Amino acid sequence: MSTTPYTMTVRERGNMWSYRSLIWNFAQRDLKARFKGTALGWLWSLVVPIATLLIYSLVFSTIMRVTPPDFGSGRQGNFTVWLLAGLTAWSMFANSLNTAIGALLGAGPLLKKIYFPPYAPVLGSVLALLIQSTIELGILLVLLAALGNISWTWLLVPFWMVLFTVFISSISMSLAVLNVHFRDMAHIIGVAIQLLFYCSPIIYPMTMIAGKSKMGIPAGTIISANPLTQFIEVFRDLTYGLTPGPLRSWLYITAWALALAWLARRVYQSRALDLSEEL
């Protein structure tokens, strides 16, 4: 087997579709390895988010008494269900980034031996996490349906998922490549993800920060500018609030998804075509 570094040709750079089977194989590998050897197996994908949900529900609905919006069906809001909607979207983002950022380093020994496009293990990792996240999404939708909170707006969730997947994959690809060159990147992103959690309306509604400011800048403006805020709010609108969401929010998340996809392509072409020396 040849160990000579391989540089991707121009034709191969844009031929992602032809490597779909390889991406799927990396996703399957990640899925099989994720809970291998554990006693609970795939049940861990439910235990962790449920435990997190219970803790936040106790703190913010009982101790701090955060009042959630009403359901789209008109019923009085439920903080646990409202929180689950936010955590479902957040988990897709945070877990994908935490796992995908090290995907290239993990595939380094294999990449040195044979050629395959470096984006394959990264996208495979993201795909595996998104498949796992559908379990949480399924629980949310079943719970909402049981409460009678269901509408045609659910049909827009797949379109939201496409934009969110592009958004997550683009960030993951850029960070995974940069992490090969700058090994501190994973630690920096770990801290950034924690900050982003509190800078996104996951455990508090946007109405809670309305009118408040920091250094003369409205807090609501700062939080709203965060693209994750718009993704989370649109997802809640579709599933919890049963509205299609503001058009400006859809345009905003679409613009971010496309801009980050373009940026990821630039980072990939400039730094990822031959990583054998760095790996």
C-alpha atoms as a PDB file:
ATOM      1  CA  MET A   1       0.000   0.000   0.000  1.00  0.00           C
ATOM      2  CA  SER A   2       1.399   3.353  -1.037  1.00  0.00           C
ATOM      3  CA  THR A   3       2.296   5.891   1.646  1.00  0.00           C
ATOM      4  CA  THR A   4       3.038   8.714  -0.809  1.00  0.00           C
ATOM      5  CA  PRO A   5       1.031  11.844   0.070  1.00  0.00           C
ATOM      6  CA  TYR A   6      -1.739  12.492  -2.404  1.00  0.00           C
ATOM      7  CA  THR A   7      -2.814  15.943  -3.508  1.00  0.00           C
ATOM      8  CA  MET A   8      -6.411  16.246  -4.656  1.00  0.00           C
ATOM      9  CA  THR A   9      -7.016  17.297  -8.237  1.00  0.00           C
ATOM     10  CA  VAL A  10      -9.384  20.084  -9.158  1.00  0.00           C
ATOM     11  CA  ARG A  11     -11.964  17.599 -10.462  1.00  0.00           C
ATOM     12  CA  GLU A  12     -11.923  15.610  -7.221  1.00  0.00           C
ATOM     13  CA  ARG A  13     -12.359  18.662  -5.003  1.00  0.00           C
ATOM     14  CA  GLY A  14     -15.987  19.164  -5.915  1.00  0.00           C
ATOM     15  CA  ASN A  15     -16.868  15.496  -6.303  1.00  0.00           C
ATOM     16  CA  MET A  16     -18.295  15.058  -2.800  1.00  0.00           C
ATOM     17  CA  TRP A  17     -21.305  13.062  -3.975  1.00  0.00           C
ATOM     18  CA  SER A  18     -19.077  10.261  -5.296  1.00  0.00           C
ATOM     19  CA  TYR A  19     -17.683   9.815  -1.768  1.00  0.00           C
ATOM     20  CA  ARG A  20     -21.088   9.527  -0.086  1.00  0.00           C
ATOM     21  CA  SER A  21     -20.531   5.828   0.679  1.00  0.00           C
ATOM     22  CA  LEU A  22     -17.232   6.623   2.373  1.00  0.00           C
ATOM     23  CA  ILE A  23     -18.840   9.385   4.446  1.00  0.00           C
ATOM     24  CA  TRP A  24     -21.573   6.953   5.470  1.00  0.00           C
ATOM     25  CA  ASN A  25     -18.951   4.339   6.425  1.00  0.00           C
ATOM     26  CA  PHE A  26     -17.231   6.858   8.710  1.00  0.00           C
ATOM     27  CA  ALA A  27     -20.630   7.721  10.217  1.00  0.00           C
ATOM     28  CA  GLN A  28     -21.375   4.025  10.833  1.00  0.00           C
ATOM     29  CA  ARG A  29     -17.979   3.553  12.434  1.00  0.00           C
ATOM     30  CA  ASP A  30     -18.613   6.449  14.800  1.00  0.00           C
ATOM     31  CA  LEU A  31     -22.078   5.174  15.656  1.00  0.00           C
ATOM     32  CA  LYS A  32     -20.785   1.684  16.448  1.00  0.00           C
ATOM     33  CA  ALA A  33     -17.864   2.967  18.515  1.00  0.00           C
ATOM     34  CA  ARG A  34     -19.810   5.588  20.446  1.00  0.00           C
ATOM     35  CA  PHE A  35     -21.261   3.288  23.118  1.00  0.00           C
ATOM     36  CA  LYS A  36     -19.266   0.139  22.470  1.00  0.00           C
ATOM     37  CA  GLY A  37     -18.539  -1.809  25.640  1.00  0.00           C
ATOM     38  CA  THR A  38     -20.960   0.174  27.822  1.00  0.00           C
ATOM     39  CA  ALA A  39     -23.663  -1.523  29.858  1.00  0.00           C
ATOM     40  CA  LEU A  40     -26.485   0.743  28.703  1.00  0.00           C
ATOM     41  CA  GLY A  41     -25.361   1.090  25.100  1.00  0.00           C
ATOM     42  CA  TRP A  42     -27.550   3.450  23.094  1.00  0.00           C
ATOM     43  CA  LEU A  43     -29.622   4.215  26.173  1.00  0.00           C
ATOM     44  CA  TRP A  44     -26.839   6.651  27.106  1.00  0.00           C
ATOM     45  CA  SER A  45     -28.028   8.857  24.248  1.00  0.00           C
ATOM     46  CA  LEU A  46     -31.220   9.295  26.298  1.00  0.00           C
ATOM     47  CA  VAL A  47     -29.845   9.244  29.849  1.00  0.00           C
ATOM     48  CA  VAL A  48     -27.523  12.245  29.456  1.00  0.00           C
ATOM     49  CA  PRO A  49     -29.998  14.664  27.814  1.00  0.00           C
ATOM     50  CA  ILE A  50     -32.798  13.596  30.184  1.00  0.00           C
ATOM     51  CA  ALA A  51     -30.556  14.164  33.224  1.00  0.00           C
ATOM     52  CA  THR A  52     -29.542  17.581  31.873  1.00  0.00           C
ATOM     53  CA  LEU A  53     -33.172  18.438  31.192  1.00  0.00           C
ATOM     54  CA  LEU A  54     -34.246  17.504  34.724  1.00  0.00           C
ATOM     55  CA  ILE A  55     -31.471  19.563  36.334  1.00  0.00           C
ATOM     56  CA  TYR A  56     -32.198  22.705  34.309  1.00  0.00           C
ATOM     57  CA  SER A  57     -35.934  22.255  34.785  1.00  0.00           C
ATOM     58  CA  LEU A  58     -35.496  22.074  38.550  1.00  0.00           C
ATOM     59  CA  VAL A  59     -33.243  25.116  38.734  1.00  0.00           C
ATOM     60  CA  PHE A  60     -34.967  27.452  36.296  1.00  0.00           C
ATOM     61  CA  SER A  61     -38.629  26.512  36.661  1.00  0.00           C
ATOM     62  CA  THR A  62     -38.698  25.873  40.409  1.00  0.00           C
ATOM     63  CA  ILE A  63     -35.924  27.929  41.966  1.00  0.00           C
ATOM     64  CA  MET A  64     -35.595  30.837  39.517  1.00  0.00           C
ATOM     65  CA  ARG A  65     -39.199  30.496  38.289  1.00  0.00           C
ATOM     66  CA  VAL A  66     -38.694  31.228  34.600  1.00  0.00           C
ATOM     67  CA  THR A  67     -42.085  31.486  32.858  1.00  0.00           C
ATOM     68  CA  PRO A  68     -42.179  29.845  29.400  1.00  0.00           C
ATOM     69  CA  PRO A  69     -44.347  31.060  26.502  1.00  0.00           C
ATOM     70  CA  ASP A  70     -47.710  29.395  25.955  1.00  0.00           C
ATOM     71  CA  PHE A  71     -47.983  26.476  23.556  1.00  0.00           C
ATOM     72  CA  GLY A  72     -48.965  27.277  19.999  1.00  0.00           C
ATOM     73  CA  SER A  73     -52.200  25.361  20.604  1.00  0.00           C
ATOM     74  CA  GLY A  74     -53.180  27.967  23.194  1.00  0.00           C
ATOM     75  CA  ARG A  75     -52.503  25.847  26.279  1.00  0.00           C
ATOM     76  CA  GLN A  76     -50.461  27.185  29.164  1.00  0.00           C
ATOM     77  CA  GLY A  77     -46.734  26.800  28.541  1.00  0.00           C
ATOM     78  CA  ASN A  78     -44.637  24.063  30.109  1.00  0.00           C
ATOM     79  CA  PHE A  79     -41.038  24.966  30.933  1.00  0.00           C
ATOM     80  CA  THR A  80     -39.700  21.404  30.638  1.00  0.00           C
ATOM     81  CA  VAL A  81     -41.104  20.944  27.129  1.00  0.00           C
ATOM     82  CA  TRP A  82     -40.001  24.431  26.083  1.00  0.00           C
ATOM     83  CA  LEU A  83     -36.511  23.747  27.454  1.00  0.00           C
ATOM     84  CA  LEU A  84     -36.356  20.366  25.697  1.00  0.00           C
ATOM     85  CA  ALA A  85     -36.987  22.110  22.355  1.00  0.00           C
ATOM     86  CA  GLY A  86     -34.028  24.426  22.959  1.00  0.00           C
ATOM     87  CA  LEU A  87     -31.739  21.675  24.239  1.00  0.00           C
ATOM     88  CA  THR A  88     -32.554  19.473  21.239  1.00  0.00           C
ATOM     89  CA  ALA A  89     -31.276  22.099  18.806  1.00  0.00           C
ATOM     90  CA  TRP A  90     -28.334  23.006  21.031  1.00  0.00           C
ATOM     91  CA  SER A  91     -27.220  19.374  21.443  1.00  0.00           C
ATOM     92  CA  MET A  92     -27.082  18.935  17.673  1.00  0.00           C
ATOM     93  CA  PHE A  93     -24.715  21.869  17.460  1.00  0.00           C
ATOM     94  CA  ALA A  94     -22.505  21.366  20.518  1.00  0.00           C
ATOM     95  CA  ASN A  95     -22.084  17.578  20.261  1.00  0.00           C
ATOM     96  CA  SER A  96     -21.303  17.755  16.552  1.00  0.00           C
ATOM     97  CA  LEU A  97     -18.586  20.373  17.052  1.00  0.00           C
ATOM     98  CA  ASN A  98     -17.049  18.628  20.057  1.00  0.00           C
ATOM     99  CA  THR A  99     -16.777  15.363  18.129  1.00  0.00           C
ATOM    100  CA  ALA A 100     -16.015  16.571  14.604  1.00  0.00           C
ATOM    101  CA  ILE A 101     -13.179  18.918  15.561  1.00  0.00           C
ATOM    102  CA  GLY A 102     -10.920  15.936  16.289  1.00  0.00           C
ATOM    103  CA  ALA A 103     -12.126  13.781  13.389  1.00  0.00           C
ATOM    104  CA  LEU A 104      -9.168  14.578  11.113  1.00  0.00           C
ATOM    105  CA  LEU A 105      -6.620  13.883  13.823  1.00  0.00           C
ATOM    106  CA  GLY A 106      -8.355  10.610  14.603  1.00  0.00           C
ATOM    107  CA  ALA A 107      -8.268   9.599  10.939  1.00  0.00           C
ATOM    108  CA  GLY A 108      -4.643  10.751  10.561  1.00  0.00           C
ATOM    109  CA  PRO A 109      -2.959   7.297  10.555  1.00  0.00           C
ATOM    110  CA  LEU A 110      -5.368   6.062   7.886  1.00  0.00           C
ATOM    111  CA  LEU A 111      -5.059   9.248   5.833  1.00  0.00           C
ATOM    112  CA  LYS A 112      -1.265   8.792   5.726  1.00  0.00           C
ATOM    113  CA  LYS A 113      -1.614   5.331   4.204  1.00  0.00           C
ATOM    114  CA  ILE A 114      -4.329   5.763   1.598  1.00  0.00           C
ATOM    115  CA  TYR A 115      -5.978   8.694  -0.100  1.00  0.00           C
ATOM    116  CA  PHE A 116      -9.472   9.817   0.710  1.00  0.00           C
ATOM    117  CA  PRO A 117     -10.839  13.367   0.903  1.00  0.00           C
ATOM    118  CA  PRO A 118     -10.215  14.825   4.376  1.00  0.00           C
ATOM    119  CA  TYR A 119     -13.788  16.036   4.591  1.00  0.00           C
ATOM    120  CA  ALA A 120     -15.060  12.428   4.718  1.00  0.00           C
ATOM    121  CA  PRO A 121     -14.313  11.684   8.413  1.00  0.00           C
ATOM    122  CA  VAL A 122     -15.513  15.138   9.467  1.00  0.00           C
ATOM    123  CA  LEU A 123     -18.835  14.909   7.635  1.00  0.00           C
ATOM    124  CA  GLY A 124     -19.179  11.300   8.777  1.00  0.00           C
ATOM    125  CA  SER A 125     -18.788  12.426  12.373  1.00  0.00           C
ATOM    126  CA  VAL A 126     -21.389  15.171  11.953  1.00  0.00           C
ATOM    127  CA  LEU A 127     -23.777  12.748  10.262  1.00  0.00           C
ATOM    128  CA  ALA A 128     -23.420  10.254  13.112  1.00  0.00           C
ATOM    129  CA  LEU A 129     -24.244  12.935  15.688  1.00  0.00           C
ATOM    130  CA  LEU A 130     -27.242  14.141  13.694  1.00  0.00           C
ATOM    131  CA  ILE A 131     -28.578  10.591  13.485  1.00  0.00           C
ATOM    132  CA  GLN A 132     -28.175  10.259  17.239  1.00  0.00           C
ATOM    133  CA  SER A 133     -29.895  13.625  17.722  1.00  0.00           C
ATOM    134  CA  THR A 134     -32.981  12.394  15.868  1.00  0.00           C
ATOM    135  CA  ILE A 135     -33.735  10.315  18.970  1.00  0.00           C
ATOM    136  CA  GLU A 136     -34.077  13.496  21.035  1.00  0.00           C
ATOM    137  CA  LEU A 137     -36.026  15.152  18.224  1.00  0.00           C
ATOM    138  CA  GLY A 138     -38.370  12.165  18.073  1.00  0.00           C
ATOM    139  CA  ILE A 139     -38.983  12.308  21.836  1.00  0.00           C
ATOM    140  CA  LEU A 140     -39.785  16.026  21.602  1.00  0.00           C
ATOM    141  CA  LEU A 141     -42.244  15.585  18.738  1.00  0.00           C
ATOM    142  CA  VAL A 142     -43.969  12.616  20.404  1.00  0.00           C
ATOM    143  CA  LEU A 143     -44.319  14.609  23.624  1.00  0.00           C
ATOM    144  CA  LEU A 144     -45.717  17.632  21.797  1.00  0.00           C
ATOM    145  CA  ALA A 145     -48.140  15.430  19.852  1.00  0.00           C
ATOM    146  CA  ALA A 146     -49.296  13.795  23.096  1.00  0.00           C
ATOM    147  CA  LEU A 147     -50.052  17.272  24.435  1.00  0.00           C
ATOM    148  CA  GLY A 148     -52.039  18.086  21.304  1.00  0.00           C
ATOM    149  CA  ASN A 149     -49.520  20.694  20.207  1.00  0.00           C
ATOM    150  CA  ILE A 150     -49.159  19.779  16.546  1.00  0.00           C
ATOM    151  CA  SER A 151     -49.607  21.753  13.334  1.00  0.00           C
ATOM    152  CA  TRP A 152     -48.618  21.973   9.673  1.00  0.00           C
ATOM    153  CA  THR A 153     -45.546  23.969  10.724  1.00  0.00           C
ATOM    154  CA  TRP A 154     -43.871  20.667  11.594  1.00  0.00           C
ATOM    155  CA  LEU A 155     -43.577  20.113   7.843  1.00  0.00           C
ATOM    156  CA  LEU A 156     -41.019  22.932   7.766  1.00  0.00           C
ATOM    157  CA  VAL A 157     -38.721  21.178  10.256  1.00  0.00           C
ATOM    158  CA  PRO A 158     -36.883  19.220   7.486  1.00  0.00           C
ATOM    159  CA  PHE A 159     -36.052  22.511   5.739  1.00  0.00           C
ATOM    160  CA  TRP A 160     -34.741  23.883   9.034  1.00  0.00           C
ATOM    161  CA  MET A 161     -32.712  20.683   9.466  1.00  0.00           C
ATOM    162  CA  VAL A 162     -31.077  21.119   6.054  1.00  0.00           C
ATOM    163  CA  LEU A 163     -29.971  24.675   6.875  1.00  0.00           C
ATOM    164  CA  PHE A 164     -28.805  23.664  10.360  1.00  0.00           C
ATOM    165  CA  THR A 165     -26.854  20.707   8.949  1.00  0.00           C
ATOM    166  CA  VAL A 166     -25.079  22.960   6.446  1.00  0.00           C
ATOM    167  CA  PHE A 167     -24.375  25.437   9.259  1.00  0.00           C
ATOM    168  CA  ILE A 168     -22.962  22.763  11.601  1.00  0.00           C
ATOM    169  CA  SER A 169     -21.030  20.890   8.907  1.00  0.00           C
ATOM    170  CA  SER A 170     -19.394  24.075   7.638  1.00  0.00           C
ATOM    171  CA  ILE A 171     -18.224  25.130  11.096  1.00  0.00           C
ATOM    172  CA  SER A 172     -17.067  21.584  11.892  1.00  0.00           C
ATOM    173  CA  MET A 173     -15.084  21.329   8.667  1.00  0.00           C
ATOM    174  CA  SER A 174     -13.298  24.634   9.183  1.00  0.00           C
ATOM    175  CA  LEU A 175     -12.469  23.913  12.826  1.00  0.00           C
ATOM    176  CA  ALA A 176     -11.327  20.342  12.147  1.00  0.00           C
ATOM    177  CA  VAL A 177      -8.864  21.580   9.508  1.00  0.00           C
ATOM    178  CA  LEU A 178      -7.603  24.416  11.704  1.00  0.00           C
ATOM    179  CA  ASN A 179      -7.254  22.004  14.630  1.00  0.00           C
ATOM    180  CA  VAL A 180      -4.703  20.019  12.645  1.00  0.00           C
ATOM    181  CA  HIS A 181      -2.532  23.112  12.266  1.00  0.00           C
ATOM    182  CA  PHE A 182      -3.278  24.675  15.650  1.00  0.00           C
ATOM    183  CA  ARG A 183      -3.775  21.984  18.294  1.00  0.00           C
ATOM    184  CA  ASP A 184      -5.068  24.480  20.872  1.00  0.00           C
ATOM    185  CA  MET A 185      -8.198  24.941  18.772  1.00  0.00           C
ATOM    186  CA  ALA A 186     -10.107  22.102  20.455  1.00  0.00           C
ATOM    187  CA  HIS A 187      -9.561  23.630  23.906  1.00  0.00           C
ATOM    188  CA  ILE A 188     -10.553  27.100  22.711  1.00  0.00           C
ATOM    189  CA  ILE A 189     -13.733  25.765  21.127  1.00  0.00           C
ATOM    190  CA  GLY A 190     -14.593  23.918  24.339  1.00  0.00           C
ATOM    191  CA  VAL A 191     -14.602  27.226  26.211  1.00  0.00           C
ATOM    192  CA  ALA A 192     -16.418  29.022  23.376  1.00  0.00           C
ATOM    193  CA  ILE A 193     -19.212  26.429  23.367  1.00  0.00           C
ATOM    194  CA  GLN A 194     -19.812  26.992  27.076  1.00  0.00           C
ATOM    195  CA  LEU A 195     -20.048  30.750  26.492  1.00  0.00           C
ATOM    196  CA  LEU A 196     -22.355  30.282  23.518  1.00  0.00           C
ATOM    197  CA  PHE A 197     -24.721  28.202  25.635  1.00  0.00           C
ATOM    198  CA  TYR A 198     -25.450  31.178  27.889  1.00  0.00           C
ATOM    199  CA  CYS A 199     -25.426  33.601  24.950  1.00  0.00           C
ATOM    200  CA  SER A 200     -28.269  31.648  23.341  1.00  0.00           C
ATOM    201  CA  PRO A 201     -31.906  31.613  24.545  1.00  0.00           C
ATOM    202  CA  ILE A 202     -31.924  27.988  25.674  1.00  0.00           C
ATOM    203  CA  ILE A 203     -32.680  28.255  29.376  1.00  0.00           C
ATOM    204  CA  TYR A 204     -34.329  31.681  29.223  1.00  0.00           C
ATOM    205  CA  PRO A 205     -36.834  33.268  26.819  1.00  0.00           C
ATOM    206  CA  MET A 206     -35.890  36.361  24.829  1.00  0.00           C
ATOM    207  CA  THR A 207     -38.592  38.307  26.681  1.00  0.00           C
ATOM    208  CA  MET A 208     -36.559  37.885  29.873  1.00  0.00           C
ATOM    209  CA  ILE A 209     -33.739  40.095  28.549  1.00  0.00           C
ATOM    210  CA  ALA A 210     -35.892  42.655  26.751  1.00  0.00           C
ATOM    211  CA  GLY A 211     -34.942  46.188  27.765  1.00  0.00           C
ATOM    212  CA  LYS A 212     -31.746  45.165  29.529  1.00  0.00           C
ATOM    213  CA  SER A 213     -28.394  46.513  28.352  1.00  0.00           C
ATOM    214  CA  LYS A 214     -24.655  46.044  28.829  1.00  0.00           C
ATOM    215  CA  MET A 215     -22.294  48.990  28.327  1.00  0.00           C
ATOM    216  CA  GLY A 216     -25.089  50.823  26.570  1.00  0.00           C
ATOM    217  CA  ILE A 217     -25.739  47.983  24.103  1.00  0.00           C
ATOM    218  CA  PRO A 218     -29.154  46.277  24.397  1.00  0.00           C
ATOM    219  CA  ALA A 219     -28.692  42.680  25.570  1.00  0.00           C
ATOM    220  CA  GLY A 220     -31.460  41.561  23.255  1.00  0.00           C
ATOM    221  CA  THR A 221     -29.571  42.940  20.254  1.00  0.00           C
ATOM    222  CA  ILE A 222     -26.407  41.064  21.197  1.00  0.00           C
ATOM    223  CA  ILE A 223     -28.212  37.768  21.779  1.00  0.00           C
ATOM    224  CA  SER A 224     -30.309  38.120  18.620  1.00  0.00           C
ATOM    225  CA  ALA A 225     -27.195  38.661  16.506  1.00  0.00           C
ATOM    226  CA  ASN A 226     -26.001  35.196  17.505  1.00  0.00           C
ATOM    227  CA  PRO A 227     -26.992  32.888  14.607  1.00  0.00           C
ATOM    228  CA  LEU A 228     -27.641  30.055  17.058  1.00  0.00           C
ATOM    229  CA  THR A 229     -30.320  32.240  18.638  1.00  0.00           C
ATOM    230  CA  GLN A 230     -32.171  32.450  15.352  1.00  0.00           C
ATOM    231  CA  PHE A 231     -31.820  28.726  14.647  1.00  0.00           C
ATOM    232  CA  ILE A 232     -33.163  27.865  18.104  1.00  0.00           C
ATOM    233  CA  GLU A 233     -35.968  30.398  17.951  1.00  0.00           C
ATOM    234  CA  VAL A 234     -37.110  29.236  14.503  1.00  0.00           C
ATOM    235  CA  PHE A 235     -37.050  25.605  15.672  1.00  0.00           C
ATOM    236  CA  ARG A 236     -39.144  26.491  18.728  1.00  0.00           C
ATOM    237  CA  ASP A 237     -41.539  28.476  16.545  1.00  0.00           C
ATOM    238  CA  LEU A 238     -42.080  25.468  14.290  1.00  0.00           C
ATOM    239  CA  THR A 239     -42.468  22.808  16.971  1.00  0.00           C
ATOM    240  CA  TYR A 240     -43.564  24.559  20.180  1.00  0.00           C
ATOM    241  CA  GLY A 241     -45.131  27.824  19.025  1.00  0.00           C
ATOM    242  CA  LEU A 242     -46.682  26.311  15.866  1.00  0.00           C
ATOM    243  CA  THR A 243     -45.844  29.326  13.723  1.00  0.00           C
ATOM    244  CA  PRO A 244     -43.603  29.370  10.616  1.00  0.00           C
ATOM    245  CA  GLY A 245     -41.331  31.930  12.262  1.00  0.00           C
ATOM    246  CA  PRO A 246     -40.411  35.402  11.007  1.00  0.00           C
ATOM    247  CA  LEU A 247     -39.228  35.607   7.397  1.00  0.00           C
ATOM    248  CA  ARG A 248     -36.248  37.717   8.486  1.00  0.00           C
ATOM    249  CA  SER A 249     -35.116  34.884  10.773  1.00  0.00           C
ATOM    250  CA  TRP A 250     -35.260  32.388   7.903  1.00  0.00           C
ATOM    251  CA  LEU A 251     -33.288  34.763   5.695  1.00  0.00           C
ATOM    252  CA  TYR A 252     -30.775  35.307   8.495  1.00  0.00           C
ATOM    253  CA  ILE A 253     -30.082  31.604   9.116  1.00  0.00           C
ATOM    254  CA  THR A 254     -29.959  30.927   5.368  1.00  0.00           C
ATOM    255  CA  ALA A 255     -27.391  33.694   4.890  1.00  0.00           C
ATOM    256  CA  TRP A 256     -25.270  32.323   7.751  1.00  0.00           C
ATOM    257  CA  ALA A 257     -25.441  28.766   6.413  1.00  0.00           C
ATOM    258  CA  LEU A 258     -24.367  29.835   2.913  1.00  0.00           C
ATOM    259  CA  ALA A 259     -21.651  32.202   4.184  1.00  0.00           C
ATOM    260  CA  LEU A 260     -20.116  29.535   6.425  1.00  0.00           C
ATOM    261  CA  ALA A 261     -20.309  26.957   3.625  1.00  0.00           C
ATOM    262  CA  TRP A 262     -18.318  29.336   1.422  1.00  0.00           C
ATOM    263  CA  LEU A 263     -15.823  29.948   4.225  1.00  0.00           C
ATOM    264  CA  ALA A 264     -15.428  26.224   4.882  1.00  0.00           C
ATOM    265  CA  ARG A 265     -14.681  25.655   1.210  1.00  0.00           C
ATOM    266  CA  ARG A 266     -12.006  28.369   1.280  1.00  0.00           C
ATOM    267  CA  VAL A 267     -10.404  26.928   4.427  1.00  0.00           C
ATOM    268  CA  TYR A 268     -10.532  23.438   2.968  1.00  0.00           C
ATOM    269  CA  GLN A 269      -8.950  24.417  -0.336  1.00  0.00           C
ATOM    270  CA  SER A 270      -6.186  26.437   1.291  1.00  0.00           C
ATOM    271  CA  ARG A 271      -5.240  24.123   4.166  1.00  0.00           C
ATOM    272  CA  ALA A 272      -6.770  20.650   3.791  1.00  0.00           C
ATOM    273  CA  LEU A 273      -5.732  19.357   0.373  1.00  0.00           C
ATOM    274  CA  ASP A 274      -2.560  17.795   1.771  1.00  0.00           C
ATOM    275  CA  LEU A 275      -2.499  17.300   5.524  1.00  0.00           C
ATOM    276  CA  SER A 276      -0.118  14.351   5.576  1.00  0.00           C
ATOM    277  CA  GLU A 277       2.805  16.387   6.918  1.00  0.00           C
ATOM    278  CA  GLU A 278       0.776  17.994   9.695  1.00  0.00           C
ATOM    279  CA  LEU A 279      -0.852  14.715  10.721  1.00  0.00           C
END
